[in-house]
Protein backbone atom coordinates (compact mmCIF):
# COMPACT_ATOMS: atom_id res chain seq x y z
CA UNK A 1 10.80 -16.32 -1.52
CA UNK A 2 10.89 -12.69 -1.85
CA UNK A 3 8.07 -10.41 -2.94
CA UNK A 4 8.19 -6.92 -3.88
CA UNK A 5 5.07 -4.47 -4.95
CA UNK A 6 6.14 -1.38 -7.17
CA UNK A 7 3.61 1.66 -6.68
CA UNK A 8 4.37 3.92 -9.84
CA UNK A 9 0.56 5.07 -10.74
CA UNK A 10 1.60 7.49 -14.04
CA UNK A 11 2.08 9.17 -15.84
CA UNK A 12 3.41 7.30 -18.98
CA UNK A 13 6.36 8.57 -19.48
CA UNK A 14 7.34 8.30 -15.90
CA UNK A 15 6.12 4.77 -16.01
CA UNK A 16 8.54 4.14 -18.75
CA UNK A 17 11.48 5.49 -16.92
CA UNK A 18 10.90 3.05 -14.18
CA UNK A 19 10.83 0.22 -16.37
CA UNK A 20 14.58 -0.02 -15.54
CA UNK A 21 13.95 -0.34 -11.75
CA UNK A 22 11.85 -3.48 -12.41
CA UNK A 23 14.23 -5.06 -14.43
CA UNK A 24 17.11 -4.36 -11.77
CA UNK A 25 15.06 -6.00 -9.45
CA UNK A 26 14.49 -8.76 -11.05
CA UNK A 27 18.29 -9.50 -12.02
CA UNK A 28 18.95 -9.50 -8.35
CA UNK A 29 16.14 -11.66 -7.31
CA UNK A 30 15.43 -13.78 -10.34
CA UNK A 31 12.64 -15.84 -8.48
CA UNK A 32 11.02 -13.40 -6.48
CA UNK A 33 7.30 -12.08 -7.16
CA UNK A 34 7.36 -8.48 -8.63
CA UNK A 35 4.29 -6.72 -8.91
CA UNK A 36 3.23 -3.01 -10.36
CA UNK A 37 0.40 -1.06 -9.05
CA UNK A 38 -0.31 1.38 -12.05
CA UNK A 39 -3.07 3.51 -13.27
CA UNK A 40 -5.29 1.53 -15.49
CA UNK A 41 -4.65 3.67 -18.36
CA UNK A 42 -1.35 2.72 -18.48
CA UNK A 43 -1.52 -0.91 -17.62
CA UNK A 44 -1.16 -1.85 -21.47
CA UNK A 45 2.11 -0.64 -21.25
CA UNK A 46 3.33 -2.75 -18.47
CA UNK A 47 1.88 -5.78 -20.70
CA UNK A 48 5.10 -5.59 -22.68
CA UNK A 49 7.38 -6.08 -19.50
CA UNK A 50 7.15 -9.77 -19.18
CA UNK A 51 9.54 -9.71 -16.11
CA UNK A 52 6.27 -8.64 -13.90
CA UNK A 53 4.28 -11.23 -12.44
CA UNK A 54 1.12 -8.95 -12.03
CA UNK A 55 -0.09 -5.45 -13.11
CA UNK A 56 -2.59 -4.37 -10.68
CA UNK A 57 -4.62 -1.35 -11.91
CA UNK A 58 -5.65 1.37 -9.42
CA UNK A 59 -7.19 4.22 -10.47
CA UNK A 60 -5.99 7.16 -7.99
CA UNK A 61 -8.84 9.06 -8.65
CA UNK A 62 -10.84 6.82 -6.62
CA UNK A 63 -9.40 7.93 -3.31
CA UNK A 64 -11.69 11.12 -4.02
CA UNK A 65 -14.64 9.26 -5.13
CA UNK A 66 -16.73 8.26 -2.23
CA UNK A 67 -18.99 5.84 -4.17
CA UNK A 68 -15.76 4.04 -5.82
CA UNK A 69 -13.39 3.72 -2.50
CA UNK A 70 -15.34 0.37 -1.87
CA UNK A 71 -13.80 -1.04 -4.98
CA UNK A 72 -10.44 0.17 -3.78
CA UNK A 73 -10.80 -1.15 -0.72
CA UNK A 74 -11.28 -4.49 -2.20
CA UNK A 75 -7.89 -4.24 -4.07
CA UNK A 76 -6.00 -3.12 -1.19
CA UNK A 77 -7.50 -5.95 0.97
CA UNK A 78 -6.24 -8.68 -1.57
CA UNK A 79 -2.96 -6.92 -1.88
CA UNK A 80 -2.65 -7.31 1.88
CA UNK A 81 -2.83 -11.11 1.49
CA UNK A 82 0.42 -10.99 -0.49
CA UNK A 83 2.53 -9.56 2.33
CA UNK A 84 5.27 -8.09 0.23
CA UNK A 85 8.27 -8.12 2.00
CA UNK A 86 8.96 -4.54 0.19
CA UNK A 87 6.68 -1.75 -1.21
CA UNK A 88 8.62 0.42 -3.18
CA UNK A 89 6.81 4.33 -3.85
CA UNK A 90 8.61 5.41 -6.94
CA UNK A 91 6.29 8.35 -7.39
CA UNK A 92 6.85 10.47 -4.20
CA UNK A 93 3.32 11.70 -3.69
CA UNK A 94 0.87 11.71 -1.06
CA UNK A 95 -1.49 9.68 -2.66
CA UNK A 96 1.22 7.10 -3.70
CA UNK A 97 2.63 6.79 -0.32
CA UNK A 98 -1.08 6.34 1.22
CA UNK A 99 -1.69 3.42 -1.21
CA UNK A 100 2.11 1.82 -0.54
CA UNK A 101 1.36 1.93 3.10
CA UNK A 102 -2.16 0.43 2.92
CA UNK A 103 -0.89 -2.50 1.37
CA UNK A 104 0.76 -3.24 4.83
CA UNK A 105 4.19 -4.67 3.42
CA UNK A 106 6.82 -5.60 5.97
CA UNK A 107 8.65 -2.28 4.80
CA UNK A 108 7.50 0.52 2.46
CA UNK A 109 10.84 2.41 0.62
CA UNK A 110 10.52 5.74 -0.70
CA UNK A 111 12.87 8.46 -1.54
CA UNK A 112 14.24 10.50 1.29
CA UNK A 113 12.37 14.15 1.86
CA UNK A 114 14.18 16.53 -0.01
CA UNK A 115 13.57 14.61 -3.00
CA UNK A 116 9.53 14.42 -2.72
CA UNK A 117 7.25 16.12 -4.49
CA UNK A 118 4.93 16.16 -1.85
CA UNK A 119 6.97 15.73 1.36
CA UNK A 120 4.22 14.58 3.72
CA UNK A 121 4.63 11.56 2.16
CA UNK A 122 7.68 10.52 4.00
CA UNK A 123 5.68 10.22 7.00
CA UNK A 124 4.27 7.17 5.59
CA UNK A 125 7.79 5.29 4.66
CA UNK A 126 9.25 2.79 6.97
CA UNK A 127 12.88 3.64 5.21
CA UNK A 128 13.94 6.28 2.78
CA UNK A 129 17.18 6.46 0.29
CA UNK A 130 19.04 9.77 -0.91
CA UNK A 131 19.32 9.08 -4.54
CA UNK A 132 22.35 11.74 -4.92
CA UNK A 133 24.41 12.11 -6.91
CA UNK A 134 21.57 10.85 -9.32
CA UNK A 135 20.22 13.64 -11.41
CA UNK A 136 17.90 11.56 -14.09
CA UNK A 137 14.99 9.89 -12.75
CA UNK A 138 15.91 6.52 -14.17
CA UNK A 139 19.12 6.84 -12.06
CA UNK A 140 17.13 8.11 -9.04
CA UNK A 141 14.78 4.85 -9.36
CA UNK A 142 17.66 2.73 -9.85
CA UNK A 143 19.13 4.01 -6.51
CA UNK A 144 16.18 2.70 -4.43
CA UNK A 145 17.71 -0.91 -5.13
CA UNK A 146 19.91 0.27 -1.97
CA UNK A 147 17.33 -1.04 0.31
CA UNK A 148 17.65 -4.28 -0.85
CA UNK A 149 21.49 -3.87 -0.88
CA UNK A 150 21.04 -3.82 -4.97
CA UNK A 151 24.07 -2.90 -6.79
CA UNK A 152 23.40 -3.58 -10.53
CA UNK A 153 22.29 -0.07 -11.61
CA UNK A 154 22.04 -0.79 -15.40
CA UNK A 155 19.65 0.68 -17.26
CA UNK A 156 17.62 -2.10 -19.09
CA UNK A 157 14.32 -1.67 -20.73
CA UNK A 158 13.32 -5.47 -21.23
CA UNK A 159 10.09 -4.98 -23.78
CA UNK A 160 8.20 -7.73 -25.66
CA UNK A 161 6.76 -5.61 -28.47
CA UNK A 162 3.77 -7.81 -30.13
CA UNK A 163 3.48 -7.33 -33.63
CA UNK A 164 0.09 -4.97 -35.12
CA UNK A 165 -1.42 -4.61 -38.37
CA UNK A 166 -0.95 -1.11 -37.67
CA UNK A 167 2.64 -0.86 -37.10
CA UNK A 168 3.23 -3.21 -40.23
CA UNK A 169 1.04 -0.66 -42.27
CA UNK A 170 2.97 2.28 -41.07
CA UNK A 171 6.15 0.56 -42.08
CA UNK A 172 4.56 -0.17 -45.56
CA UNK A 173 4.14 3.66 -46.19
CA UNK A 174 7.43 4.14 -45.20
CA UNK A 175 9.88 1.46 -46.76
CA UNK A 176 12.94 3.73 -46.33
CA UNK A 177 12.58 4.37 -42.90
CA UNK A 178 10.69 7.36 -40.94
CA UNK A 179 11.11 9.96 -38.06
CA UNK A 180 8.65 10.33 -35.31
CA UNK A 181 7.28 13.64 -34.28
CA UNK A 182 5.09 13.94 -31.02
CA UNK A 183 3.97 17.37 -30.85
CA UNK A 184 1.52 17.03 -27.78
CA UNK A 185 2.12 17.45 -24.54
CA UNK A 186 0.24 17.82 -21.27
CA UNK A 187 1.46 21.00 -19.72
CA UNK A 188 1.52 24.30 -22.02
CA UNK A 189 5.30 24.97 -21.17
CA UNK A 190 5.96 21.67 -23.17
CA UNK A 191 4.12 22.28 -26.02
CA UNK A 192 5.80 24.04 -29.17
CA UNK A 193 3.85 25.52 -32.48
CA UNK A 194 2.59 23.24 -34.68
CA UNK A 195 4.36 25.15 -37.85
CA UNK A 196 7.58 24.55 -35.98
CA UNK A 197 7.20 21.31 -35.80
CA UNK A 198 6.24 21.28 -39.42
CA UNK A 199 9.52 23.20 -40.25
CA UNK A 200 11.42 20.61 -38.64
CA UNK A 201 9.69 17.69 -40.86
CA UNK A 202 10.17 19.70 -43.92
CA UNK A 203 14.15 20.11 -43.18
CA UNK A 204 14.40 16.26 -42.13
CA UNK A 205 13.13 15.66 -45.66
CA UNK A 206 15.46 18.10 -47.20
CA UNK A 207 18.73 17.21 -45.57
CA UNK A 208 18.32 13.28 -44.86
CA UNK A 209 15.21 12.25 -47.11
CA UNK A 210 13.04 10.89 -44.46
CA UNK A 211 9.53 11.57 -44.16
CA UNK A 212 8.17 11.88 -40.53
CA UNK A 213 4.85 10.71 -39.19
CA UNK A 214 3.34 12.66 -36.67
CA UNK A 215 1.80 10.76 -33.49
CA UNK A 216 -1.26 12.24 -31.45
CA UNK A 217 -3.22 11.28 -28.58
CA UNK A 218 -6.58 11.79 -27.16
CA UNK A 219 -7.64 15.55 -28.23
CA UNK A 220 -4.69 15.93 -30.27
CA UNK A 221 -5.54 14.60 -33.87
CA UNK A 222 -5.89 18.06 -35.05
CA UNK A 223 -2.91 19.23 -33.78
CA UNK A 224 -1.18 16.44 -35.68
CA UNK A 225 -3.08 17.67 -38.91
CA UNK A 226 -1.65 21.10 -38.17
CA UNK A 227 1.60 19.76 -38.27
CA UNK A 228 1.35 17.62 -41.44
CA UNK A 229 -0.04 20.56 -43.22
CA UNK A 230 2.66 22.71 -42.06
CA UNK A 231 5.28 20.34 -43.56
CA UNK A 232 4.82 21.09 -47.14
CA UNK A 233 4.27 17.04 -47.33
CA UNK A 234 7.17 16.12 -45.81
CA UNK A 235 4.78 14.44 -42.74
CA UNK A 236 1.84 12.24 -42.33
CA UNK A 237 -0.57 11.94 -39.77
CA UNK A 238 -0.16 8.74 -37.69
CA UNK A 239 -3.39 6.37 -37.85
CA UNK A 240 -4.96 6.12 -34.53
CA UNK A 241 -2.95 3.90 -32.02
CA UNK A 242 -3.05 1.69 -28.91
CA UNK A 243 0.39 1.97 -26.62
CA UNK A 244 1.78 -1.24 -28.10
CA UNK A 245 1.03 -0.05 -31.38
CA UNK A 246 2.34 3.05 -30.45
CA UNK A 247 5.80 0.87 -29.19
CA UNK A 248 5.68 -1.08 -32.34
CA UNK A 249 5.51 1.81 -34.59
CA UNK A 250 8.64 3.21 -32.20
């Protein structure tokens, strides 16, 4: 039986973008073992991907914490016993490449040097794939399937989203449907003023008759309140959500 390990630690959006790769790998190898190494903060997302055999939470920050390295080494020792046929590094960073190589699979596959965010990661791969002419990260990830002669590059998101009281309560609040607004972003160059999001919500209400629900994550509740206040009553602030509850609301 074939066995594969996917290394894509984070961030949340990048983990989502890697799900089609896992789906295509499962379609090609229906009986294989497919595990995924992920930052523990995003393991909850992968619990909604039933095609995986195991989700291995590995905090990349442990590499820098002397006192916590022993725990990381125990996890890596356990993964070595799995004797993976191929370990795929979808992240392209030095830390992800180190972790991929440390598992000691028969092969470690990553992107060619010019597509790596940290080119020195190339030294830790046994083989690389040039994803050209793909430009979207999903298609670039799928290009790595060529390392196992994979030709089915369809984009699929096989998610099993659980029901939740939070998602049900939102549906009851908006019986005619709703628009989701997510004003938060990790990087300043991805942020837009709250007043602008509020104006969008007001326009959506005027033009389409749809009210908006403003999402928020850690440290962003005040931002969501600003957007709702700027919407003139066209938007409400979302209740606190887990990743799976957020998927249900979406």
